[in-house]
Amino acid sequence: MKASTYYYFPMILWAALIFVLSAIPGDAITLPAFWNADKIAHIFMYFILAVLILFSLIWTQRSISITESSILTFLISISYGGIIEILQQYVFIHRHGDFLDFIANSIGAALGVAVMLYYRKKY
């Protein structure tokens, strides 16, 4: 196995964590009782996912530009979020897909890419 493939492990583990948490029956989850805790959790989860994806691409795919890596990261993140929402609607028990969750996922992904680009330019 190439050493560069190790850069993908954190991203894969985080995506697996998102999958597992998304598959837990909704009645088994207790969220903190503050304003939009659910949406904030979605933003956080996909922020981290986007950071890990972009980090992986930057370190392993040197032949593509940072712009291409950023666009690819955003597309992968929102696609994964969309697939999870569809699975929640049609496959997972006691779960339902929510378009606002998809929007929160997309905001988190966009923020993750933006923060990575900011720090990449700064340093």
PDB file of N, CA and C in Angstrom:
ATOM      1  N   MET A   1       0.842  -1.180   0.000  1.00  0.00           N
ATOM      2  CA  MET A   1       0.000   0.000   0.000  1.00  0.00           C
ATOM      3  C   MET A   1       0.887   1.242   0.000  1.00  0.00           C
ATOM      4  N   LYS A   2       0.547   2.203  -0.830  1.00  0.00           N
ATOM      5  CA  LYS A   2       1.306   3.444  -0.899  1.00  0.00           C
ATOM      6  C   LYS A   2       1.153   4.237   0.392  1.00  0.00           C
ATOM      7  N   ALA A   3       2.220   4.939   0.744  1.00  0.00           N
ATOM      8  CA  ALA A   3       2.171   5.779   1.935  1.00  0.00           C
ATOM      9  C   ALA A   3       1.119   6.871   1.791  1.00  0.00           C
ATOM     10  N   SER A   4       0.892   7.354   0.568  1.00  0.00           N
ATOM     11  CA  SER A   4      -0.075   8.437   0.354  1.00  0.00           C
ATOM     12  C   SER A   4      -1.506   8.015   0.661  1.00  0.00           C
ATOM     13  N   THR A   5      -1.797   6.713   0.590  1.00  0.00           N
ATOM     14  CA  THR A   5      -3.161   6.279   0.878  1.00  0.00           C
ATOM     15  C   THR A   5      -3.524   6.476   2.347  1.00  0.00           C
ATOM     16  N   TYR A   6      -2.525   6.572   3.215  1.00  0.00           N
ATOM     17  CA  TYR A   6      -2.802   6.802   4.624  1.00  0.00           C
ATOM     18  C   TYR A   6      -3.463   8.159   4.860  1.00  0.00           C
ATOM     19  N   TYR A   7      -3.291   9.087   3.947  1.00  0.00           N
ATOM     20  CA  TYR A   7      -3.946  10.384   4.085  1.00  0.00           C
ATOM     21  C   TYR A   7      -5.461  10.265   3.971  1.00  0.00           C
ATOM     22  N   TYR A   8      -5.954   9.191   3.380  1.00  0.00           N
ATOM     23  CA  TYR A   8      -7.394   9.011   3.211  1.00  0.00           C
ATOM     24  C   TYR A   8      -8.073   8.368   4.420  1.00  0.00           C
ATOM     25  N   PHE A   9      -7.319   7.743   5.306  1.00  0.00           N
ATOM     26  CA  PHE A   9      -7.926   7.047   6.433  1.00  0.00           C
ATOM     27  C   PHE A   9      -8.770   7.942   7.332  1.00  0.00           C
ATOM     28  N   PRO A  10      -8.293   9.120   7.751  1.00  0.00           N
ATOM     29  CA  PRO A  10      -9.151   9.972   8.598  1.00  0.00           C
ATOM     30  C   PRO A  10     -10.465  10.341   7.906  1.00  0.00           C
ATOM     31  N   MET A  11     -10.397  10.638   6.613  1.00  0.00           N
ATOM     32  CA  MET A  11     -11.597  10.988   5.858  1.00  0.00           C
ATOM     33  C   MET A  11     -12.571   9.810   5.819  1.00  0.00           C
ATOM     34  N   ILE A  12     -12.060   8.619   5.565  1.00  0.00           N
ATOM     35  CA  ILE A  12     -12.905   7.430   5.488  1.00  0.00           C
ATOM     36  C   ILE A  12     -13.532   7.128   6.851  1.00  0.00           C
ATOM     37  N   LEU A  13     -12.742   7.249   7.906  1.00  0.00           N
ATOM     38  CA  LEU A  13     -13.279   7.010   9.252  1.00  0.00           C
ATOM     39  C   LEU A  13     -14.353   8.028   9.604  1.00  0.00           C
ATOM     40  N   TRP A  14     -14.140   9.293   9.254  1.00  0.00           N
ATOM     41  CA  TRP A  14     -15.122  10.330   9.551  1.00  0.00           C
ATOM     42  C   TRP A  14     -16.412  10.092   8.753  1.00  0.00           C
ATOM     43  N   ALA A  15     -16.273   9.731   7.484  1.00  0.00           N
ATOM     44  CA  ALA A  15     -17.443   9.432   6.667  1.00  0.00           C
ATOM     45  C   ALA A  15     -18.203   8.231   7.243  1.00  0.00           C
ATOM     46  N   ALA A  16     -17.477   7.247   7.734  1.00  0.00           N
ATOM     47  CA  ALA A  16     -18.119   6.082   8.352  1.00  0.00           C
ATOM     48  C   ALA A  16     -18.860   6.492   9.626  1.00  0.00           C
ATOM     49  N   LEU A  17     -18.262   7.382  10.410  1.00  0.00           N
ATOM     50  CA  LEU A  17     -18.924   7.877  11.615  1.00  0.00           C
ATOM     51  C   LEU A  17     -20.223   8.605  11.260  1.00  0.00           C
ATOM     52  N   ILE A  18     -20.175   9.438  10.234  1.00  0.00           N
ATOM     53  CA  ILE A  18     -21.385  10.133   9.779  1.00  0.00           C
ATOM     54  C   ILE A  18     -22.453   9.112   9.375  1.00  0.00           C
ATOM     55  N   PHE A  19     -22.041   8.092   8.638  1.00  0.00           N
ATOM     56  CA  PHE A  19     -22.978   7.058   8.194  1.00  0.00           C
ATOM     57  C   PHE A  19     -23.628   6.363   9.387  1.00  0.00           C
ATOM     58  N   VAL A  20     -22.820   5.951  10.340  1.00  0.00           N
ATOM     59  CA  VAL A  20     -23.336   5.232  11.511  1.00  0.00           C
ATOM     60  C   VAL A  20     -24.287   6.120  12.311  1.00  0.00           C
ATOM     61  N   LEU A  21     -23.881   7.359  12.564  1.00  0.00           N
ATOM     62  CA  LEU A  21     -24.747   8.266  13.322  1.00  0.00           C
ATOM     63  C   LEU A  21     -26.041   8.557  12.575  1.00  0.00           C
ATOM     64  N   SER A  22     -25.963   8.615  11.265  1.00  0.00           N
ATOM     65  CA  SER A  22     -27.151   8.881  10.451  1.00  0.00           C
ATOM     66  C   SER A  22     -28.094   7.687  10.400  1.00  0.00           C
ATOM     67  N   ALA A  23     -27.573   6.492  10.633  1.00  0.00           N
ATOM     68  CA  ALA A  23     -28.383   5.276  10.568  1.00  0.00           C
ATOM     69  C   ALA A  23     -29.047   4.937  11.899  1.00  0.00           C
ATOM     70  N   ILE A  24     -28.595   5.561  12.977  1.00  0.00           N
ATOM     71  CA  ILE A  24     -29.202   5.292  14.286  1.00  0.00           C
ATOM     72  C   ILE A  24     -30.656   5.742  14.245  1.00  0.00           C
ATOM     73  N   PRO A  25     -31.567   4.906  14.720  1.00  0.00           N
ATOM     74  CA  PRO A  25     -32.975   5.310  14.724  1.00  0.00           C
ATOM     75  C   PRO A  25     -33.169   6.661  15.423  1.00  0.00           C
ATOM     76  N   GLY A  26     -33.988   7.504  14.827  1.00  0.00           N
ATOM     77  CA  GLY A  26     -34.186   8.864  15.316  1.00  0.00           C
ATOM     78  C   GLY A  26     -34.694   8.940  16.739  1.00  0.00           C
ATOM     79  N   ASP A  27     -35.491   7.947  17.160  1.00  0.00           N
ATOM     80  CA  ASP A  27     -36.017   7.982  18.519  1.00  0.00           C
ATOM     81  C   ASP A  27     -34.969   7.587  19.557  1.00  0.00           C
ATOM     82  N   ALA A  28     -33.799   7.137  19.124  1.00  0.00           N
ATOM     83  CA  ALA A  28     -32.726   6.754  20.041  1.00  0.00           C
ATOM     84  C   ALA A  28     -31.720   7.881  20.251  1.00  0.00           C
ATOM     85  N   ILE A  29     -31.932   9.010  19.567  1.00  0.00           N
ATOM     86  CA  ILE A  29     -30.986  10.125  19.633  1.00  0.00           C
ATOM     87  C   ILE A  29     -31.582  11.248  20.469  1.00  0.00           C
ATOM     88  N   THR A  30     -30.786  11.737  21.414  1.00  0.00           N
ATOM     89  CA  THR A  30     -31.184  12.894  22.201  1.00  0.00           C
ATOM     90  C   THR A  30     -30.206  14.014  21.905  1.00  0.00           C
ATOM     91  N   LEU A  31     -30.724  15.091  21.353  1.00  0.00           N
ATOM     92  CA  LEU A  31     -29.891  16.248  21.056  1.00  0.00           C
ATOM     93  C   LEU A  31     -30.009  17.277  22.164  1.00  0.00           C
ATOM     94  N   PRO A  32     -28.969  18.079  22.347  1.00  0.00           N
ATOM     95  CA  PRO A  32     -29.068  19.156  23.340  1.00  0.00           C
ATOM     96  C   PRO A  32     -30.259  20.063  23.023  1.00  0.00           C
ATOM     97  N   ALA A  33     -30.834  20.606  24.066  1.00  0.00           N
ATOM     98  CA  ALA A  33     -32.037  21.423  23.896  1.00  0.00           C
ATOM     99  C   ALA A  33     -31.681  22.894  23.687  1.00  0.00           C
ATOM    100  N   PHE A  34     -30.962  23.175  22.631  1.00  0.00           N
ATOM    101  CA  PHE A  34     -30.745  24.574  22.282  1.00  0.00           C
ATOM    102  C   PHE A  34     -31.096  24.788  20.823  1.00  0.00           C
ATOM    103  N   TRP A  35     -31.221  26.017  20.459  1.00  0.00           N
ATOM    104  CA  TRP A  35     -31.705  26.422  19.143  1.00  0.00           C
ATOM    105  C   TRP A  35     -30.951  25.729  18.019  1.00  0.00           C
ATOM    106  N   ASN A  36     -31.662  25.013  17.178  1.00  0.00           N
ATOM    107  CA  ASN A  36     -31.132  24.358  15.977  1.00  0.00           C
ATOM    108  C   ASN A  36     -29.920  23.462  16.225  1.00  0.00           C
ATOM    109  N   ALA A  37     -29.933  22.738  17.326  1.00  0.00           N
ATOM    110  CA  ALA A  37     -28.812  21.832  17.644  1.00  0.00           C
ATOM    111  C   ALA A  37     -28.582  20.839  16.511  1.00  0.00           C
ATOM    112  N   ASP A  38     -29.662  20.362  15.902  1.00  0.00           N
ATOM    113  CA  ASP A  38     -29.565  19.398  14.809  1.00  0.00           C
ATOM    114  C   ASP A  38     -28.803  19.994  13.623  1.00  0.00           C
ATOM    115  N   LYS A  39     -29.160  21.188  13.242  1.00  0.00           N
ATOM    116  CA  LYS A  39     -28.519  21.830  12.081  1.00  0.00           C
ATOM    117  C   LYS A  39     -27.061  22.158  12.377  1.00  0.00           C
ATOM    118  N   ILE A  40     -26.780  22.589  13.587  1.00  0.00           N
ATOM    119  CA  ILE A  40     -25.393  22.883  13.975  1.00  0.00           C
ATOM    120  C   ILE A  40     -24.553  21.604  13.933  1.00  0.00           C
ATOM    121  N   ALA A  41     -25.138  20.491  14.366  1.00  0.00           N
ATOM    122  CA  ALA A  41     -24.427  19.202  14.301  1.00  0.00           C
ATOM    123  C   ALA A  41     -24.130  18.830  12.847  1.00  0.00           C
ATOM    124  N   HIS A  42     -25.091  19.053  11.951  1.00  0.00           N
ATOM    125  CA  HIS A  42     -24.876  18.763  10.524  1.00  0.00           C
ATOM    126  C   HIS A  42     -23.753  19.650   9.960  1.00  0.00           C
ATOM    127  N   ILE A  43     -23.785  20.919  10.278  1.00  0.00           N
ATOM    128  CA  ILE A  43     -22.745  21.834   9.794  1.00  0.00           C
ATOM    129  C   ILE A  43     -21.386  21.374  10.289  1.00  0.00           C
ATOM    130  N   PHE A  44     -21.278  21.039  11.564  1.00  0.00           N
ATOM    131  CA  PHE A  44     -20.009  20.592  12.142  1.00  0.00           C
ATOM    132  C   PHE A  44     -19.506  19.316  11.469  1.00  0.00           C
ATOM    133  N   MET A  45     -20.386  18.336  11.309  1.00  0.00           N
ATOM    134  CA  MET A  45     -19.966  17.048  10.744  1.00  0.00           C
ATOM    135  C   MET A  45     -19.444  17.202   9.314  1.00  0.00           C
ATOM    136  N   TYR A  46     -20.120  18.009   8.513  1.00  0.00           N
ATOM    137  CA  TYR A  46     -19.711  18.158   7.118  1.00  0.00           C
ATOM    138  C   TYR A  46     -18.592  19.176   6.951  1.00  0.00           C
ATOM    139  N   PHE A  47     -18.425  20.070   7.903  1.00  0.00           N
ATOM    140  CA  PHE A  47     -17.250  20.946   7.935  1.00  0.00           C
ATOM    141  C   PHE A  47     -15.998  20.076   8.070  1.00  0.00           C
ATOM    142  N   ILE A  48     -16.010  19.196   9.061  1.00  0.00           N
ATOM    143  CA  ILE A  48     -14.865  18.305   9.298  1.00  0.00           C
ATOM    144  C   ILE A  48     -14.642  17.393   8.097  1.00  0.00           C
ATOM    145  N   LEU A  49     -15.722  16.845   7.537  1.00  0.00           N
ATOM    146  CA  LEU A  49     -15.587  15.971   6.366  1.00  0.00           C
ATOM    147  C   LEU A  49     -14.901  16.711   5.223  1.00  0.00           C
ATOM    148  N   ALA A  50     -15.330  17.927   4.933  1.00  0.00           N
ATOM    149  CA  ALA A  50     -14.733  18.695   3.834  1.00  0.00           C
ATOM    150  C   ALA A  50     -13.267  18.995   4.102  1.00  0.00           C
ATOM    151  N   VAL A  51     -12.926  19.352   5.330  1.00  0.00           N
ATOM    152  CA  VAL A  51     -11.525  19.619   5.677  1.00  0.00           C
ATOM    153  C   VAL A  51     -10.681  18.366   5.436  1.00  0.00           C
ATOM    154  N   LEU A  52     -11.170  17.217   5.871  1.00  0.00           N
ATOM    155  CA  LEU A  52     -10.417  15.968   5.704  1.00  0.00           C
ATOM    156  C   LEU A  52     -10.296  15.564   4.236  1.00  0.00           C
ATOM    157  N   ILE A  53     -11.370  15.746   3.477  1.00  0.00           N
ATOM    158  CA  ILE A  53     -11.303  15.417   2.046  1.00  0.00           C
ATOM    159  C   ILE A  53     -10.301  16.317   1.344  1.00  0.00           C
ATOM    160  N   LEU A  54     -10.398  17.630   1.583  1.00  0.00           N
ATOM    161  CA  LEU A  54      -9.499  18.557   0.903  1.00  0.00           C
ATOM    162  C   LEU A  54      -8.053  18.322   1.319  1.00  0.00           C
ATOM    163  N   PHE A  55      -7.828  18.063   2.590  1.00  0.00           N
ATOM    164  CA  PHE A  55      -6.474  17.745   3.062  1.00  0.00           C
ATOM    165  C   PHE A  55      -5.940  16.518   2.324  1.00  0.00           C
ATOM    166  N   SER A  56      -6.777  15.492   2.198  1.00  0.00           N
ATOM    167  CA  SER A  56      -6.365  14.269   1.497  1.00  0.00           C
ATOM    168  C   SER A  56      -6.028  14.548   0.040  1.00  0.00           C
ATOM    169  N   LEU A  57      -6.869  15.330  -0.616  1.00  0.00           N
ATOM    170  CA  LEU A  57      -6.630  15.632  -2.032  1.00  0.00           C
ATOM    171  C   LEU A  57      -5.372  16.481  -2.224  1.00  0.00           C
ATOM    172  N   ILE A  58      -5.173  17.453  -1.356  1.00  0.00           N
ATOM    173  CA  ILE A  58      -3.995  18.320  -1.477  1.00  0.00           C
ATOM    174  C   ILE A  58      -2.712  17.498  -1.362  1.00  0.00           C
ATOM    175  N   TRP A  59      -2.701  16.539  -0.444  1.00  0.00           N
ATOM    176  CA  TRP A  59      -1.486  15.774  -0.202  1.00  0.00           C
ATOM    177  C   TRP A  59      -1.283  14.600  -1.138  1.00  0.00           C
ATOM    178  N   THR A  60      -2.336  14.142  -1.790  1.00  0.00           N
ATOM    179  CA  THR A  60      -2.185  12.953  -2.635  1.00  0.00           C
ATOM    180  C   THR A  60      -2.360  13.225  -4.118  1.00  0.00           C
ATOM    181  N   GLN A  61      -3.057  14.263  -4.484  1.00  0.00           N
ATOM    182  CA  GLN A  61      -3.346  14.550  -5.893  1.00  0.00           C
ATOM    183  C   GLN A  61      -2.655  15.844  -6.317  1.00  0.00           C
ATOM    184  N   ARG A  62      -1.377  15.812  -6.352  1.00  0.00           N
ATOM    185  CA  ARG A  62      -0.593  17.011  -6.656  1.00  0.00           C
ATOM    186  C   ARG A  62      -0.766  17.491  -8.096  1.00  0.00           C
ATOM    187  N   SER A  63      -1.327  16.652  -8.951  1.00  0.00           N
ATOM    188  CA  SER A  63      -1.470  17.025 -10.356  1.00  0.00           C
ATOM    189  C   SER A  63      -2.702  17.901 -10.610  1.00  0.00           C
ATOM    190  N   ILE A  64      -3.594  18.020  -9.632  1.00  0.00           N
ATOM    191  CA  ILE A  64      -4.750  18.887  -9.821  1.00  0.00           C
ATOM    192  C   ILE A  64      -4.603  20.146  -8.977  1.00  0.00           C
ATOM    193  N   SER A  65      -5.172  21.227  -9.459  1.00  0.00           N
ATOM    194  CA  SER A  65      -5.014  22.523  -8.791  1.00  0.00           C
ATOM    195  C   SER A  65      -5.821  22.571  -7.497  1.00  0.00           C
ATOM    196  N   ILE A  66      -5.506  23.567  -6.687  1.00  0.00           N
ATOM    197  CA  ILE A  66      -6.240  23.762  -5.443  1.00  0.00           C
ATOM    198  C   ILE A  66      -7.700  24.103  -5.729  1.00  0.00           C
ATOM    199  N   THR A  67      -7.937  24.818  -6.818  1.00  0.00           N
ATOM    200  CA  THR A  67      -9.314  25.151  -7.201  1.00  0.00           C
ATOM    201  C   THR A  67     -10.083  23.888  -7.555  1.00  0.00           C
ATOM    202  N   GLU A  68      -9.473  23.029  -8.354  1.00  0.00           N
ATOM    203  CA  GLU A  68     -10.121  21.767  -8.727  1.00  0.00           C
ATOM    204  C   GLU A  68     -10.336  20.883  -7.491  1.00  0.00           C
ATOM    205  N   SER A  69      -9.352  20.845  -6.615  1.00  0.00           N
ATOM    206  CA  SER A  69      -9.492  20.060  -5.382  1.00  0.00           C
ATOM    207  C   SER A  69     -10.627  20.595  -4.519  1.00  0.00           C
ATOM    208  N   SER A  70     -10.758  21.906  -4.452  1.00  0.00           N
ATOM    209  CA  SER A  70     -11.814  22.529  -3.646  1.00  0.00           C
ATOM    210  C   SER A  70     -13.190  22.227  -4.204  1.00  0.00           C
ATOM    211  N   ILE A  71     -13.331  22.336  -5.515  1.00  0.00           N
ATOM    212  CA  ILE A  71     -14.617  22.041  -6.155  1.00  0.00           C
ATOM    213  C   ILE A  71     -14.960  20.567  -5.970  1.00  0.00           C
ATOM    214  N   LEU A  72     -13.986  19.696  -6.183  1.00  0.00           N
ATOM    215  CA  LEU A  72     -14.202  18.263  -6.009  1.00  0.00           C
ATOM    216  C   LEU A  72     -14.595  17.940  -4.565  1.00  0.00           C
ATOM    217  N   THR A  73     -13.923  18.564  -3.619  1.00  0.00           N
ATOM    218  CA  THR A  73     -14.243  18.362  -2.203  1.00  0.00           C
ATOM    219  C   THR A  73     -15.675  18.751  -1.905  1.00  0.00           C
ATOM    220  N   PHE A  74     -16.084  19.916  -2.387  1.00  0.00           N
ATOM    221  CA  PHE A  74     -17.444  20.376  -2.150  1.00  0.00           C
ATOM    222  C   PHE A  74     -18.459  19.422  -2.780  1.00  0.00           C
ATOM    223  N   LEU A  75     -18.192  19.000  -4.007  1.00  0.00           N
ATOM    224  CA  LEU A  75     -19.119  18.095  -4.692  1.00  0.00           C
ATOM    225  C   LEU A  75     -19.213  16.738  -3.998  1.00  0.00           C
ATOM    226  N   ILE A  76     -18.077  16.202  -3.566  1.00  0.00           N
ATOM    227  CA  ILE A  76     -18.087  14.920  -2.849  1.00  0.00           C
ATOM    228  C   ILE A  76     -18.863  15.065  -1.544  1.00  0.00           C
ATOM    229  N   SER A  77     -18.613  16.138  -0.816  1.00  0.00           N
ATOM    230  CA  SER A  77     -19.266  16.345   0.479  1.00  0.00           C
ATOM    231  C   SER A  77     -20.775  16.477   0.347  1.00  0.00           C
ATOM    232  N   ILE A  78     -21.233  17.304  -0.597  1.00  0.00           N
ATOM    233  CA  ILE A  78     -22.679  17.484  -0.706  1.00  0.00           C
ATOM    234  C   ILE A  78     -23.349  16.250  -1.314  1.00  0.00           C
ATOM    235  N   SER A  79     -22.635  15.538  -2.170  1.00  0.00           N
ATOM    236  CA  SER A  79     -23.189  14.290  -2.715  1.00  0.00           C
ATOM    237  C   SER A  79     -23.367  13.262  -1.600  1.00  0.00           C
ATOM    238  N   TYR A  80     -22.371  13.145  -0.746  1.00  0.00           N
ATOM    239  CA  TYR A  80     -22.452  12.218   0.376  1.00  0.00           C
ATOM    240  C   TYR A  80     -23.600  12.618   1.305  1.00  0.00           C
ATOM    241  N   GLY A  81     -23.715  13.918   1.580  1.00  0.00           N
ATOM    242  CA  GLY A  81     -24.821  14.394   2.405  1.00  0.00           C
ATOM    243  C   GLY A  81     -26.168  14.112   1.779  1.00  0.00           C
ATOM    244  N   GLY A  82     -26.274  14.296   0.473  1.00  0.00           N
ATOM    245  CA  GLY A  82     -27.526  14.006  -0.219  1.00  0.00           C
ATOM    246  C   GLY A  82     -27.878  12.532  -0.182  1.00  0.00           C
ATOM    247  N   ILE A  83     -26.887  11.690  -0.384  1.00  0.00           N
ATOM    248  CA  ILE A  83     -27.117  10.237  -0.334  1.00  0.00           C
ATOM    249  C   ILE A  83     -27.577   9.820   1.061  1.00  0.00           C
ATOM    250  N   ILE A  84     -26.949  10.382   2.086  1.00  0.00           N
ATOM    251  CA  ILE A  84     -27.349  10.065   3.466  1.00  0.00           C
ATOM    252  C   ILE A  84     -28.803  10.478   3.709  1.00  0.00           C
ATOM    253  N   GLU A  85     -29.189  11.657   3.229  1.00  0.00           N
ATOM    254  CA  GLU A  85     -30.572  12.112   3.423  1.00  0.00           C
ATOM    255  C   GLU A  85     -31.558  11.201   2.687  1.00  0.00           C
ATOM    256  N   ILE A  86     -31.204  10.743   1.509  1.00  0.00           N
ATOM    257  CA  ILE A  86     -32.068   9.807   0.774  1.00  0.00           C
ATOM    258  C   ILE A  86     -32.177   8.483   1.524  1.00  0.00           C
ATOM    259  N   LEU A  87     -31.050   7.995   2.038  1.00  0.00           N
ATOM    260  CA  LEU A  87     -31.082   6.754   2.824  1.00  0.00           C
ATOM    261  C   LEU A  87     -31.942   6.924   4.071  1.00  0.00           C
ATOM    262  N   GLN A  88     -31.856   8.086   4.703  1.00  0.00           N
ATOM    263  CA  GLN A  88     -32.687   8.313   5.890  1.00  0.00           C
ATOM    264  C   GLN A  88     -34.170   8.312   5.530  1.00  0.00           C
ATOM    265  N   GLN A  89     -34.490   8.813   4.372  1.00  0.00           N
ATOM    266  CA  GLN A  89     -35.894   8.867   3.960  1.00  0.00           C
ATOM    267  C   GLN A  89     -36.438   7.486   3.604  1.00  0.00           C
ATOM    268  N   TYR A  90     -35.643   6.683   2.912  1.00  0.00           N
ATOM    269  CA  TYR A  90     -36.183   5.449   2.328  1.00  0.00           C
ATOM    270  C   TYR A  90     -35.644   4.141   2.894  1.00  0.00           C
ATOM    271  N   VAL A  91     -34.531   4.175   3.627  1.00  0.00           N
ATOM    272  CA  VAL A  91     -33.919   2.921   4.064  1.00  0.00           C
ATOM    273  C   VAL A  91     -33.834   2.812   5.583  1.00  0.00           C
ATOM    274  N   PHE A  92     -33.301   3.819   6.238  1.00  0.00           N
ATOM    275  CA  PHE A  92     -33.075   3.737   7.684  1.00  0.00           C
ATOM    276  C   PHE A  92     -34.393   3.778   8.446  1.00  0.00           C
ATOM    277  N   ILE A  93     -34.446   3.015   9.535  1.00  0.00           N
ATOM    278  CA  ILE A  93     -35.656   2.899  10.346  1.00  0.00           C
ATOM    279  C   ILE A  93     -35.791   4.112  11.269  1.00  0.00           C
ATOM    280  N   HIS A  94     -36.997   4.625  11.365  1.00  0.00           N
ATOM    281  CA  HIS A  94     -37.325   5.765  12.230  1.00  0.00           C
ATOM    282  C   HIS A  94     -36.473   6.998  11.925  1.00  0.00           C
ATOM    283  N   ARG A  95     -36.160   7.169  10.656  1.00  0.00           N
ATOM    284  CA  ARG A  95     -35.428   8.358  10.204  1.00  0.00           C
ATOM    285  C   ARG A  95     -36.200   8.956   9.038  1.00  0.00           C
ATOM    286  N   HIS A  96     -35.965  10.214   8.791  1.00  0.00           N
ATOM    287  CA  HIS A  96     -36.564  10.835   7.608  1.00  0.00           C
ATOM    288  C   HIS A  96     -35.565  11.819   7.013  1.00  0.00           C
ATOM    289  N   GLY A  97     -35.534  11.867   5.713  1.00  0.00           N
ATOM    290  CA  GLY A  97     -34.676  12.816   5.029  1.00  0.00           C
ATOM    291  C   GLY A  97     -35.231  14.222   5.182  1.00  0.00           C
ATOM    292  N   ASP A  98     -34.344  15.188   5.246  1.00  0.00           N
ATOM    293  CA  ASP A  98     -34.769  16.570   5.454  1.00  0.00           C
ATOM    294  C   ASP A  98     -33.933  17.474   4.550  1.00  0.00           C
ATOM    295  N   PHE A  99     -34.614  18.250   3.714  1.00  0.00           N
ATOM    296  CA  PHE A  99     -33.904  19.146   2.808  1.00  0.00           C
ATOM    297  C   PHE A  99     -33.091  20.186   3.581  1.00  0.00           C
ATOM    298  N   LEU A 100     -33.589  20.625   4.727  1.00  0.00           N
ATOM    299  CA  LEU A 100     -32.836  21.597   5.532  1.00  0.00           C
ATOM    300  C   LEU A 100     -31.562  20.978   6.113  1.00  0.00           C
ATOM    301  N   ASP A 101     -31.599  19.683   6.390  1.00  0.00           N
ATOM    302  CA  ASP A 101     -30.373  18.992   6.808  1.00  0.00           C
ATOM    303  C   ASP A 101     -29.366  18.983   5.656  1.00  0.00           C
ATOM    304  N   PHE A 102     -29.854  18.744   4.452  1.00  0.00           N
ATOM    305  CA  PHE A 102     -28.978  18.781   3.275  1.00  0.00           C
ATOM    306  C   PHE A 102     -28.362  20.176   3.106  1.00  0.00           C
ATOM    307  N   ILE A 103     -29.142  21.209   3.316  1.00  0.00           N
ATOM    308  CA  ILE A 103     -28.630  22.588   3.242  1.00  0.00           C
ATOM    309  C   ILE A 103     -27.561  22.802   4.320  1.00  0.00           C
ATOM    310  N   ALA A 104     -27.822  22.327   5.540  1.00  0.00           N
ATOM    311  CA  ALA A 104     -26.834  22.452   6.627  1.00  0.00           C
ATOM    312  C   ALA A 104     -25.558  21.688   6.280  1.00  0.00           C
ATOM    313  N   ASN A 105     -25.701  20.500   5.692  1.00  0.00           N
ATOM    314  CA  ASN A 105     -24.528  19.737   5.252  1.00  0.00           C
ATOM    315  C   ASN A 105     -23.720  20.544   4.239  1.00  0.00           C
ATOM    316  N   SER A 106     -24.410  21.159   3.303  1.00  0.00           N
ATOM    317  CA  SER A 106     -23.752  21.951   2.253  1.00  0.00           C
ATOM    318  C   SER A 106     -23.057  23.178   2.826  1.00  0.00           C
ATOM    319  N   ILE A 107     -23.694  23.823   3.802  1.00  0.00           N
ATOM    320  CA  ILE A 107     -23.062  24.979   4.455  1.00  0.00           C
ATOM    321  C   ILE A 107     -21.800  24.538   5.176  1.00  0.00           C
ATOM    322  N   GLY A 108     -21.872  23.420   5.878  1.00  0.00           N
ATOM    323  CA  GLY A 108     -20.683  22.906   6.570  1.00  0.00           C
ATOM    324  C   GLY A 108     -19.561  22.585   5.604  1.00  0.00           C
ATOM    325  N   ALA A 109     -19.897  21.961   4.471  1.00  0.00           N
ATOM    326  CA  ALA A 109     -18.890  21.637   3.460  1.00  0.00           C
ATOM    327  C   ALA A 109     -18.269  22.906   2.883  1.00  0.00           C
ATOM    328  N   ALA A 110     -19.097  23.895   2.581  1.00  0.00           N
ATOM    329  CA  ALA A 110     -18.589  25.151   2.030  1.00  0.00           C
ATOM    330  C   ALA A 110     -17.687  25.858   3.035  1.00  0.00           C
ATOM    331  N   LEU A 111     -18.072  25.865   4.299  1.00  0.00           N
ATOM    332  CA  LEU A 111     -17.230  26.485   5.327  1.00  0.00           C
ATOM    333  C   LEU A 111     -15.905  25.740   5.485  1.00  0.00           C
ATOM    334  N   GLY A 112     -15.957  24.410   5.422  1.00  0.00           N
ATOM    335  CA  GLY A 112     -14.725  23.624   5.522  1.00  0.00           C
ATOM    336  C   GLY A 112     -13.757  23.942   4.404  1.00  0.00           C
ATOM    337  N   VAL A 113     -14.268  24.022   3.187  1.00  0.00           N
ATOM    338  CA  VAL A 113     -13.423  24.369   2.037  1.00  0.00           C
ATOM    339  C   VAL A 113     -12.889  25.788   2.199  1.00  0.00           C
ATOM    340  N   ALA A 114     -13.746  26.712   2.599  1.00  0.00           N
ATOM    341  CA  ALA A 114     -13.331  28.109   2.742  1.00  0.00           C
ATOM    342  C   ALA A 114     -12.239  28.269   3.800  1.00  0.00           C
ATOM    343  N   VAL A 115     -12.388  27.595   4.921  1.00  0.00           N
ATOM    344  CA  VAL A 115     -11.375  27.680   5.980  1.00  0.00           C
ATOM    345  C   VAL A 115     -10.056  27.084   5.509  1.00  0.00           C
ATOM    346  N   MET A 116     -10.120  25.945   4.836  1.00  0.00           N
ATOM    347  CA  MET A 116      -8.883  25.341   4.320  1.00  0.00           C
ATOM    348  C   MET A 116      -8.196  26.256   3.316  1.00  0.00           C
ATOM    349  N   LEU A 117      -8.964  26.871   2.437  1.00  0.00           N
ATOM    350  CA  LEU A 117      -8.373  27.789   1.451  1.00  0.00           C
ATOM    351  C   LEU A 117      -7.777  29.008   2.129  1.00  0.00           C
ATOM    352  N   TYR A 118      -8.459  29.511   3.133  1.00  0.00           N
ATOM    353  CA  TYR A 118      -7.947  30.679   3.869  1.00  0.00           C
ATOM    354  C   TYR A 118      -6.606  30.359   4.517  1.00  0.00           C
ATOM    355  N   TYR A 119      -6.539  29.244   5.224  1.00  0.00           N
ATOM    356  CA  TYR A 119      -5.296  28.897   5.908  1.00  0.00           C
ATOM    357  C   TYR A 119      -4.204  28.452   4.943  1.00  0.00           C
ATOM    358  N   ARG A 120      -4.576  27.901   3.826  1.00  0.00           N
ATOM    359  CA  ARG A 120      -3.582  27.525   2.834  1.00  0.00           C
ATOM    360  C   ARG A 120      -2.912  28.772   2.247  1.00  0.00           C
ATOM    361  N   LYS A 121      -3.692  29.822   1.997  1.00  0.00           N
ATOM    362  CA  LYS A 121      -3.131  31.068   1.482  1.00  0.00           C
ATOM    363  C   LYS A 121      -2.334  31.806   2.548  1.00  0.00           C
ATOM    364  N   LYS A 122      -2.806  31.720   3.784  1.00  0.00           N
ATOM    365  CA  LYS A 122      -2.147  32.441   4.871  1.00  0.00           C
ATOM    366  C   LYS A 122      -0.781  31.848   5.203  1.00  0.00           C
ATOM    367  N   TYR A 123      -0.679  30.543   5.114  1.00  0.00           N
ATOM    368  CA  TYR A 123       0.584  29.890   5.473  1.00  0.00           C
ATOM    369  C   TYR A 123       1.208  29.335   4.245  1.00  0.00           C
TER     370      TYR A 123
END
